[in-house]
Amino acid sequence: MTDQQNTAANEEESAPQFSLQRIYVRDLSFEAPKSPAIFRQQWEPSVGLDLNTRQKALENDFHEVVLTLSVTVKNGEEVAFIAEVQQAGIFLIKNLDAASMSHTLGAFCPNILFPYAREALDSLVTRGSFPALMLAPVNFDALYAQELQRMQAAGETPTVQ
């Protein structure tokens, strides 16, 4: 009976584990260089979105993942506003093989963070008295797959920090 309990305990300890520990805003930035004049113009915006993720291993099996959304909105040729949010999370991730760990940090965690980043960015923009952005959902699994293909074509290997 004791051997069965030990085996069950060992299997439980080596089973993959994932747990969200904390979600937080790491950095916020907003600039409206042409205000108040921009508010008096006809509004015909063009939106540019840059998206980036990075991760860092913390102590034990904790990892920080940071999703950065940078938006530049132009009205004609003039920059109406620039907004950026760094939405971060701390995740406990244990007992994953290298490929699964890379996918979890590169796609799964950003999928969790994106709605929070989108809401923070939208709130920031509306506080600047501009119309809400309401960014469309992002498929991080597809972006991750594209990045893997790019790295394979370049002869690189994905690394987990």
N, C-alpha and C. Protein backbone atom coordinates (compact mmCIF):
# COMPACT_ATOMS: atom_id res chain seq x y z
N MET A 1 0.81 -1.19 0.00
CA MET A 1 0.00 0.00 0.00
C MET A 1 0.86 1.26 0.00
N THR A 2 1.93 1.25 0.77
CA THR A 2 2.82 2.41 0.84
C THR A 2 3.47 2.66 -0.51
N ASP A 3 3.86 1.59 -1.23
CA ASP A 3 4.46 1.77 -2.55
C ASP A 3 3.49 2.45 -3.50
N GLN A 4 2.20 2.09 -3.42
CA GLN A 4 1.21 2.71 -4.28
C GLN A 4 1.04 4.19 -3.95
N GLN A 5 1.08 4.53 -2.66
CA GLN A 5 0.97 5.93 -2.25
C GLN A 5 2.18 6.72 -2.72
N ASN A 6 3.38 6.14 -2.59
CA ASN A 6 4.59 6.81 -3.05
C ASN A 6 4.57 7.02 -4.55
N THR A 7 4.12 6.01 -5.29
CA THR A 7 4.03 6.13 -6.75
C THR A 7 3.06 7.23 -7.13
N ALA A 8 1.91 7.26 -6.48
CA ALA A 8 0.91 8.30 -6.76
C ALA A 8 1.46 9.69 -6.43
N ALA A 9 2.18 9.80 -5.32
CA ALA A 9 2.77 11.09 -4.93
C ALA A 9 3.83 11.52 -5.94
N ASN A 10 4.66 10.58 -6.40
CA ASN A 10 5.68 10.91 -7.39
C ASN A 10 5.06 11.33 -8.72
N GLU A 11 3.99 10.64 -9.14
CA GLU A 11 3.31 11.01 -10.38
C GLU A 11 2.70 12.40 -10.27
N GLU A 12 2.15 12.71 -9.09
CA GLU A 12 1.55 14.03 -8.89
C GLU A 12 2.61 15.11 -8.93
N GLU A 13 3.77 14.85 -8.34
CA GLU A 13 4.85 15.84 -8.33
C GLU A 13 5.42 16.07 -9.72
N SER A 14 5.41 15.05 -10.59
CA SER A 14 5.98 15.20 -11.93
C SER A 14 4.94 15.56 -12.98
N ALA A 15 3.68 15.69 -12.58
CA ALA A 15 2.63 16.07 -13.52
C ALA A 15 2.79 17.54 -13.91
N PRO A 16 2.47 17.88 -15.16
CA PRO A 16 2.54 19.29 -15.55
C PRO A 16 1.62 20.15 -14.69
N GLN A 17 2.12 21.33 -14.34
CA GLN A 17 1.35 22.26 -13.52
C GLN A 17 1.40 23.65 -14.14
N PHE A 18 0.26 24.33 -14.11
CA PHE A 18 0.17 25.70 -14.60
C PHE A 18 -0.74 26.46 -13.66
N SER A 19 -0.27 27.61 -13.20
CA SER A 19 -1.08 28.41 -12.28
C SER A 19 -0.76 29.89 -12.49
N LEU A 20 -1.81 30.67 -12.68
CA LEU A 20 -1.67 32.12 -12.77
C LEU A 20 -1.51 32.67 -11.36
N GLN A 21 -0.44 33.41 -11.13
CA GLN A 21 -0.18 33.97 -9.80
C GLN A 21 -0.64 35.41 -9.67
N ARG A 22 -0.40 36.21 -10.74
CA ARG A 22 -0.71 37.64 -10.66
C ARG A 22 -0.72 38.22 -12.06
N ILE A 23 -1.65 39.15 -12.30
CA ILE A 23 -1.69 39.95 -13.53
C ILE A 23 -1.58 41.41 -13.11
N TYR A 24 -0.72 42.16 -13.82
CA TYR A 24 -0.51 43.55 -13.43
C TYR A 24 -0.07 44.39 -14.62
N VAL A 25 -0.28 45.68 -14.53
CA VAL A 25 0.23 46.62 -15.52
C VAL A 25 1.66 46.97 -15.13
N ARG A 26 2.57 46.71 -16.04
CA ARG A 26 3.97 47.01 -15.77
C ARG A 26 4.32 48.44 -16.18
N ASP A 27 3.71 48.93 -17.27
CA ASP A 27 4.00 50.28 -17.74
C ASP A 27 2.84 50.76 -18.61
N LEU A 28 2.52 52.04 -18.49
CA LEU A 28 1.51 52.71 -19.32
C LEU A 28 2.11 54.00 -19.86
N SER A 29 1.77 54.31 -21.11
CA SER A 29 2.26 55.55 -21.69
C SER A 29 1.21 56.08 -22.66
N PHE A 30 0.99 57.39 -22.62
CA PHE A 30 0.05 58.03 -23.53
C PHE A 30 0.58 59.40 -23.89
N GLU A 31 0.54 59.72 -25.18
CA GLU A 31 0.98 61.03 -25.63
C GLU A 31 0.06 61.49 -26.75
N ALA A 32 -0.44 62.70 -26.65
CA ALA A 32 -1.25 63.33 -27.70
C ALA A 32 -0.55 64.63 -28.10
N PRO A 33 0.44 64.53 -28.99
CA PRO A 33 1.30 65.69 -29.28
C PRO A 33 0.61 66.86 -29.96
N LYS A 34 -0.51 66.65 -30.63
CA LYS A 34 -1.17 67.72 -31.37
C LYS A 34 -2.45 68.21 -30.69
N SER A 35 -2.64 67.84 -29.42
CA SER A 35 -3.85 68.33 -28.74
C SER A 35 -3.58 69.76 -28.24
N PRO A 36 -4.53 70.59 -28.21
CA PRO A 36 -5.96 70.38 -28.45
C PRO A 36 -6.37 70.55 -29.92
N ALA A 37 -5.44 70.96 -30.80
CA ALA A 37 -5.81 71.24 -32.19
C ALA A 37 -6.39 70.01 -32.89
N ILE A 38 -5.92 68.81 -32.53
CA ILE A 38 -6.38 67.58 -33.18
C ILE A 38 -7.88 67.36 -32.98
N PHE A 39 -8.43 67.88 -31.88
CA PHE A 39 -9.85 67.70 -31.59
C PHE A 39 -10.75 68.57 -32.47
N ARG A 40 -10.17 69.52 -33.12
CA ARG A 40 -10.96 70.45 -33.94
C ARG A 40 -10.92 70.06 -35.42
N GLN A 41 -10.28 68.96 -35.74
CA GLN A 41 -10.15 68.50 -37.12
C GLN A 41 -11.16 67.39 -37.41
N GLN A 42 -11.43 67.19 -38.71
CA GLN A 42 -12.24 66.05 -39.12
C GLN A 42 -11.50 64.78 -38.73
N TRP A 43 -12.20 63.81 -38.11
CA TRP A 43 -11.56 62.61 -37.59
C TRP A 43 -11.57 61.50 -38.64
N GLU A 44 -10.40 61.22 -39.22
CA GLU A 44 -10.20 60.15 -40.19
C GLU A 44 -8.95 59.38 -39.78
N PRO A 45 -9.08 58.54 -38.77
CA PRO A 45 -7.89 57.91 -38.19
C PRO A 45 -7.36 56.73 -39.00
N SER A 46 -6.07 56.52 -38.88
CA SER A 46 -5.41 55.28 -39.33
C SER A 46 -4.65 54.76 -38.12
N VAL A 47 -4.80 53.46 -37.88
CA VAL A 47 -4.25 52.85 -36.66
C VAL A 47 -3.09 51.94 -37.02
N GLY A 48 -1.97 52.11 -36.32
CA GLY A 48 -0.83 51.20 -36.43
C GLY A 48 -0.64 50.51 -35.10
N LEU A 49 -0.57 49.18 -35.12
CA LEU A 49 -0.43 48.40 -33.89
C LEU A 49 0.84 47.58 -33.94
N ASP A 50 1.66 47.69 -32.91
CA ASP A 50 2.83 46.82 -32.73
C ASP A 50 2.56 45.98 -31.50
N LEU A 51 2.89 44.72 -31.60
CA LEU A 51 2.63 43.77 -30.53
C LEU A 51 3.93 43.02 -30.27
N ASN A 52 4.27 42.82 -29.00
CA ASN A 52 5.50 42.14 -28.65
C ASN A 52 5.30 41.38 -27.35
N THR A 53 5.98 40.27 -27.21
CA THR A 53 5.97 39.54 -25.95
C THR A 53 7.41 39.24 -25.55
N ARG A 54 7.58 39.14 -24.27
CA ARG A 54 8.87 38.69 -23.74
C ARG A 54 8.60 37.95 -22.44
N GLN A 55 9.52 37.08 -22.11
CA GLN A 55 9.36 36.32 -20.87
C GLN A 55 10.70 36.23 -20.16
N LYS A 56 10.58 36.05 -18.87
CA LYS A 56 11.78 35.95 -18.02
C LYS A 56 11.50 34.91 -16.95
N ALA A 57 12.46 34.01 -16.78
CA ALA A 57 12.36 33.03 -15.71
C ALA A 57 12.67 33.72 -14.39
N LEU A 58 11.83 33.47 -13.41
CA LEU A 58 12.04 33.99 -12.06
C LEU A 58 12.54 32.83 -11.19
N GLU A 59 12.52 33.00 -9.90
CA GLU A 59 12.98 31.93 -9.02
C GLU A 59 12.05 30.73 -9.09
N ASN A 60 12.62 29.56 -8.78
CA ASN A 60 11.89 28.30 -8.80
C ASN A 60 11.25 28.09 -10.16
N ASP A 61 9.98 27.83 -10.21
CA ASP A 61 9.29 27.57 -11.48
C ASP A 61 8.36 28.71 -11.87
N PHE A 62 8.67 29.91 -11.42
CA PHE A 62 7.86 31.08 -11.74
C PHE A 62 8.43 31.77 -12.98
N HIS A 63 7.53 32.31 -13.80
CA HIS A 63 7.92 33.00 -15.02
C HIS A 63 7.10 34.28 -15.14
N GLU A 64 7.76 35.35 -15.58
CA GLU A 64 7.06 36.59 -15.89
C GLU A 64 6.92 36.66 -17.41
N VAL A 65 5.71 36.94 -17.88
CA VAL A 65 5.45 37.16 -19.30
C VAL A 65 4.91 38.58 -19.43
N VAL A 66 5.48 39.34 -20.36
CA VAL A 66 5.07 40.72 -20.59
C VAL A 66 4.58 40.85 -22.03
N LEU A 67 3.35 41.31 -22.17
CA LEU A 67 2.76 41.58 -23.47
C LEU A 67 2.74 43.10 -23.65
N THR A 68 3.35 43.58 -24.73
CA THR A 68 3.39 45.02 -25.01
C THR A 68 2.55 45.31 -26.24
N LEU A 69 1.60 46.23 -26.08
CA LEU A 69 0.80 46.73 -27.19
C LEU A 69 1.13 48.20 -27.37
N SER A 70 1.61 48.56 -28.55
CA SER A 70 1.93 49.95 -28.88
C SER A 70 1.05 50.38 -30.05
N VAL A 71 0.31 51.46 -29.87
CA VAL A 71 -0.61 51.94 -30.89
C VAL A 71 -0.23 53.37 -31.26
N THR A 72 -0.11 53.60 -32.57
CA THR A 72 0.07 54.95 -33.09
C THR A 72 -1.12 55.24 -33.99
N VAL A 73 -1.86 56.28 -33.65
CA VAL A 73 -3.03 56.67 -34.44
C VAL A 73 -2.74 58.01 -35.09
N LYS A 74 -2.90 58.02 -36.41
CA LYS A 74 -2.69 59.25 -37.18
C LYS A 74 -4.03 59.72 -37.70
N ASN A 75 -4.17 61.02 -37.75
CA ASN A 75 -5.32 61.65 -38.39
C ASN A 75 -4.75 62.36 -39.61
N GLY A 76 -4.94 61.75 -40.77
CA GLY A 76 -4.24 62.25 -41.95
C GLY A 76 -2.77 61.94 -41.81
N GLU A 77 -1.94 62.95 -41.88
CA GLU A 77 -0.49 62.78 -41.74
C GLU A 77 0.00 63.07 -40.32
N GLU A 78 -0.86 63.64 -39.47
CA GLU A 78 -0.44 64.04 -38.12
C GLU A 78 -0.70 62.91 -37.12
N VAL A 79 0.23 62.77 -36.19
CA VAL A 79 0.04 61.80 -35.12
C VAL A 79 -0.98 62.37 -34.13
N ALA A 80 -2.10 61.66 -33.98
CA ALA A 80 -3.12 62.08 -33.03
C ALA A 80 -2.72 61.67 -31.62
N PHE A 81 -2.32 60.39 -31.49
CA PHE A 81 -1.84 59.93 -30.19
C PHE A 81 -1.01 58.66 -30.34
N ILE A 82 -0.19 58.45 -29.34
CA ILE A 82 0.61 57.24 -29.20
C ILE A 82 0.30 56.69 -27.82
N ALA A 83 -0.07 55.42 -27.77
CA ALA A 83 -0.39 54.79 -26.48
C ALA A 83 0.32 53.44 -26.41
N GLU A 84 0.79 53.11 -25.22
CA GLU A 84 1.46 51.83 -25.03
C GLU A 84 1.11 51.28 -23.67
N VAL A 85 0.90 49.98 -23.62
CA VAL A 85 0.67 49.29 -22.35
C VAL A 85 1.55 48.04 -22.32
N GLN A 86 2.17 47.83 -21.18
CA GLN A 86 2.88 46.59 -20.92
C GLN A 86 2.09 45.85 -19.85
N GLN A 87 1.37 44.82 -20.28
CA GLN A 87 0.57 44.00 -19.38
C GLN A 87 1.39 42.77 -19.04
N ALA A 88 1.54 42.49 -17.77
CA ALA A 88 2.42 41.40 -17.35
C ALA A 88 1.67 40.41 -16.47
N GLY A 89 2.24 39.25 -16.38
CA GLY A 89 1.70 38.23 -15.50
C GLY A 89 2.81 37.37 -14.94
N ILE A 90 2.58 36.85 -13.76
CA ILE A 90 3.49 35.89 -13.16
C ILE A 90 2.77 34.55 -13.16
N PHE A 91 3.43 33.54 -13.72
CA PHE A 91 2.85 32.22 -13.89
C PHE A 91 3.76 31.17 -13.24
N LEU A 92 3.15 30.22 -12.56
CA LEU A 92 3.86 29.06 -12.06
C LEU A 92 3.68 27.97 -13.10
N ILE A 93 4.80 27.52 -13.67
CA ILE A 93 4.76 26.49 -14.72
C ILE A 93 5.80 25.44 -14.37
N LYS A 94 5.33 24.20 -14.20
CA LYS A 94 6.24 23.12 -13.78
C LYS A 94 6.06 21.91 -14.68
N ASN A 95 7.16 21.19 -14.83
CA ASN A 95 7.17 19.86 -15.42
C ASN A 95 6.68 19.82 -16.87
N LEU A 96 7.07 20.80 -17.66
CA LEU A 96 6.77 20.78 -19.09
C LEU A 96 8.06 20.52 -19.87
N ASP A 97 7.95 19.81 -20.99
CA ASP A 97 9.12 19.65 -21.85
C ASP A 97 9.41 20.99 -22.52
N ALA A 98 10.55 21.10 -23.16
CA ALA A 98 11.00 22.38 -23.72
C ALA A 98 10.01 22.94 -24.74
N ALA A 99 9.49 22.09 -25.63
CA ALA A 99 8.55 22.57 -26.65
C ALA A 99 7.26 23.07 -26.02
N SER A 100 6.74 22.35 -25.05
CA SER A 100 5.51 22.77 -24.37
C SER A 100 5.72 24.04 -23.58
N MET A 101 6.87 24.16 -22.94
CA MET A 101 7.19 25.37 -22.17
C MET A 101 7.27 26.58 -23.11
N SER A 102 7.93 26.40 -24.25
CA SER A 102 8.05 27.48 -25.22
C SER A 102 6.68 27.92 -25.72
N HIS A 103 5.80 26.97 -26.03
CA HIS A 103 4.45 27.29 -26.51
C HIS A 103 3.64 27.97 -25.41
N THR A 104 3.75 27.48 -24.19
CA THR A 104 3.00 28.06 -23.07
C THR A 104 3.40 29.52 -22.86
N LEU A 105 4.70 29.79 -22.84
CA LEU A 105 5.18 31.15 -22.62
C LEU A 105 4.97 32.05 -23.84
N GLY A 106 5.03 31.47 -25.05
CA GLY A 106 4.94 32.27 -26.25
C GLY A 106 3.54 32.48 -26.80
N ALA A 107 2.59 31.63 -26.40
CA ALA A 107 1.23 31.75 -26.94
C ALA A 107 0.15 31.69 -25.87
N PHE A 108 0.22 30.70 -25.00
CA PHE A 108 -0.85 30.51 -24.01
C PHE A 108 -0.92 31.68 -23.02
N CYS A 109 0.20 32.06 -22.46
CA CYS A 109 0.22 33.17 -21.49
C CYS A 109 -0.17 34.51 -22.14
N PRO A 110 0.35 34.85 -23.33
CA PRO A 110 -0.12 36.09 -23.97
C PRO A 110 -1.62 36.09 -24.26
N ASN A 111 -2.19 34.91 -24.58
CA ASN A 111 -3.64 34.82 -24.77
C ASN A 111 -4.39 35.21 -23.49
N ILE A 112 -3.85 34.86 -22.35
CA ILE A 112 -4.46 35.22 -21.07
C ILE A 112 -4.33 36.73 -20.83
N LEU A 113 -3.17 37.30 -21.15
CA LEU A 113 -2.90 38.71 -20.87
C LEU A 113 -3.60 39.68 -21.82
N PHE A 114 -3.87 39.25 -23.06
CA PHE A 114 -4.37 40.17 -24.07
C PHE A 114 -5.66 40.91 -23.68
N PRO A 115 -6.69 40.25 -23.16
CA PRO A 115 -7.90 41.02 -22.80
C PRO A 115 -7.64 42.12 -21.78
N TYR A 116 -6.74 41.87 -20.85
CA TYR A 116 -6.39 42.88 -19.85
C TYR A 116 -5.65 44.05 -20.51
N ALA A 117 -4.71 43.74 -21.41
CA ALA A 117 -3.96 44.79 -22.11
C ALA A 117 -4.89 45.60 -23.00
N ARG A 118 -5.80 44.93 -23.68
CA ARG A 118 -6.75 45.63 -24.57
C ARG A 118 -7.63 46.58 -23.77
N GLU A 119 -8.11 46.13 -22.62
CA GLU A 119 -8.96 46.99 -21.78
C GLU A 119 -8.17 48.17 -21.24
N ALA A 120 -6.93 47.95 -20.80
CA ALA A 120 -6.10 49.03 -20.27
C ALA A 120 -5.81 50.06 -21.37
N LEU A 121 -5.52 49.60 -22.57
CA LEU A 121 -5.25 50.49 -23.68
C LEU A 121 -6.49 51.29 -24.05
N ASP A 122 -7.63 50.63 -24.12
CA ASP A 122 -8.89 51.30 -24.45
C ASP A 122 -9.22 52.38 -23.41
N SER A 123 -9.05 52.04 -22.15
CA SER A 123 -9.31 53.00 -21.07
C SER A 123 -8.38 54.21 -21.17
N LEU A 124 -7.12 53.95 -21.47
CA LEU A 124 -6.13 55.02 -21.59
C LEU A 124 -6.49 55.98 -22.73
N VAL A 125 -6.90 55.42 -23.85
CA VAL A 125 -7.25 56.23 -25.03
C VAL A 125 -8.50 57.06 -24.77
N THR A 126 -9.52 56.47 -24.16
CA THR A 126 -10.74 57.23 -23.90
C THR A 126 -10.51 58.32 -22.86
N ARG A 127 -9.59 58.11 -21.95
CA ARG A 127 -9.25 59.17 -20.98
C ARG A 127 -8.55 60.34 -21.66
N GLY A 128 -7.95 60.06 -22.80
CA GLY A 128 -7.34 61.13 -23.59
C GLY A 128 -8.35 61.83 -24.49
N SER A 129 -9.63 61.46 -24.36
CA SER A 129 -10.75 62.05 -25.08
C SER A 129 -10.81 61.66 -26.56
N PHE A 130 -10.26 60.47 -26.85
CA PHE A 130 -10.33 59.93 -28.21
C PHE A 130 -11.34 58.79 -28.22
N PRO A 131 -11.85 58.43 -29.41
CA PRO A 131 -12.80 57.30 -29.49
C PRO A 131 -12.13 55.99 -29.06
N ALA A 132 -12.93 55.10 -28.52
CA ALA A 132 -12.42 53.80 -28.07
C ALA A 132 -11.78 53.04 -29.22
N LEU A 133 -10.73 52.30 -28.92
CA LEU A 133 -10.03 51.52 -29.94
C LEU A 133 -10.71 50.17 -30.21
N MET A 134 -11.05 49.45 -29.18
CA MET A 134 -11.65 48.13 -29.30
C MET A 134 -10.88 47.24 -30.28
N LEU A 135 -9.64 46.93 -29.94
CA LEU A 135 -8.80 46.09 -30.79
C LEU A 135 -9.42 44.71 -30.97
N ALA A 136 -9.27 44.16 -32.17
CA ALA A 136 -9.76 42.82 -32.47
C ALA A 136 -8.91 41.79 -31.72
N PRO A 137 -9.49 40.63 -31.44
CA PRO A 137 -8.70 39.56 -30.80
C PRO A 137 -7.49 39.19 -31.65
N VAL A 138 -6.47 38.67 -30.99
CA VAL A 138 -5.24 38.26 -31.65
C VAL A 138 -5.07 36.76 -31.44
N ASN A 139 -4.70 36.05 -32.49
CA ASN A 139 -4.46 34.62 -32.41
C ASN A 139 -2.98 34.39 -32.13
N PHE A 140 -2.63 34.27 -30.86
CA PHE A 140 -1.24 34.10 -30.48
C PHE A 140 -0.69 32.73 -30.88
N ASP A 141 -1.56 31.73 -30.98
CA ASP A 141 -1.10 30.41 -31.45
C ASP A 141 -0.60 30.51 -32.89
N ALA A 142 -1.33 31.24 -33.74
CA ALA A 142 -0.91 31.41 -35.13
C ALA A 142 0.38 32.23 -35.21
N LEU A 143 0.48 33.29 -34.41
CA LEU A 143 1.70 34.09 -34.39
C LEU A 143 2.89 33.27 -33.92
N TYR A 144 2.67 32.43 -32.91
CA TYR A 144 3.73 31.57 -32.39
C TYR A 144 4.18 30.58 -33.48
N ALA A 145 3.22 29.99 -34.19
CA ALA A 145 3.55 29.04 -35.26
C ALA A 145 4.35 29.73 -36.36
N GLN A 146 3.96 30.96 -36.72
CA GLN A 146 4.70 31.71 -37.73
C GLN A 146 6.13 31.99 -37.28
N GLU A 147 6.28 32.34 -36.02
CA GLU A 147 7.62 32.62 -35.49
C GLU A 147 8.47 31.36 -35.48
N LEU A 148 7.88 30.22 -35.15
CA LEU A 148 8.63 28.95 -35.20
C LEU A 148 9.09 28.65 -36.62
N GLN A 149 8.22 28.86 -37.60
CA GLN A 149 8.58 28.63 -38.99
C GLN A 149 9.70 29.57 -39.42
N ARG A 150 9.63 30.82 -39.00
CA ARG A 150 10.68 31.78 -39.34
C ARG A 150 12.00 31.36 -38.74
N MET A 151 11.96 30.92 -37.48
CA MET A 151 13.19 30.51 -36.80
C MET A 151 13.78 29.25 -37.45
N GLN A 152 12.92 28.31 -37.82
CA GLN A 152 13.41 27.08 -38.49
C GLN A 152 14.04 27.41 -39.82
N ALA A 153 13.44 28.32 -40.58
CA ALA A 153 13.99 28.72 -41.87
C ALA A 153 15.34 29.42 -41.70
N ALA A 154 15.51 30.12 -40.60
CA ALA A 154 16.76 30.84 -40.33
C ALA A 154 17.78 29.95 -39.62
N GLY A 155 17.39 28.71 -39.29
CA GLY A 155 18.30 27.81 -38.60
C GLY A 155 18.46 28.09 -37.14
N GLU A 156 17.50 28.83 -36.54
CA GLU A 156 17.54 29.16 -35.12
C GLU A 156 16.72 28.15 -34.34
N THR A 157 16.98 28.07 -33.05
CA THR A 157 16.15 27.23 -32.17
C THR A 157 15.52 28.10 -31.11
N PRO A 158 14.23 27.84 -30.81
CA PRO A 158 13.57 28.62 -29.78
C PRO A 158 14.20 28.36 -28.42
N THR A 159 14.33 29.42 -27.65
CA THR A 159 14.90 29.29 -26.33
C THR A 159 13.94 29.85 -25.31
N VAL A 160 13.97 29.29 -24.13
CA VAL A 160 13.17 29.78 -23.00
C VAL A 160 14.13 30.40 -22.01
N GLN A 161 13.88 31.66 -21.67
CA GLN A 161 14.77 32.33 -20.72
C GLN A 161 14.35 32.08 -19.31
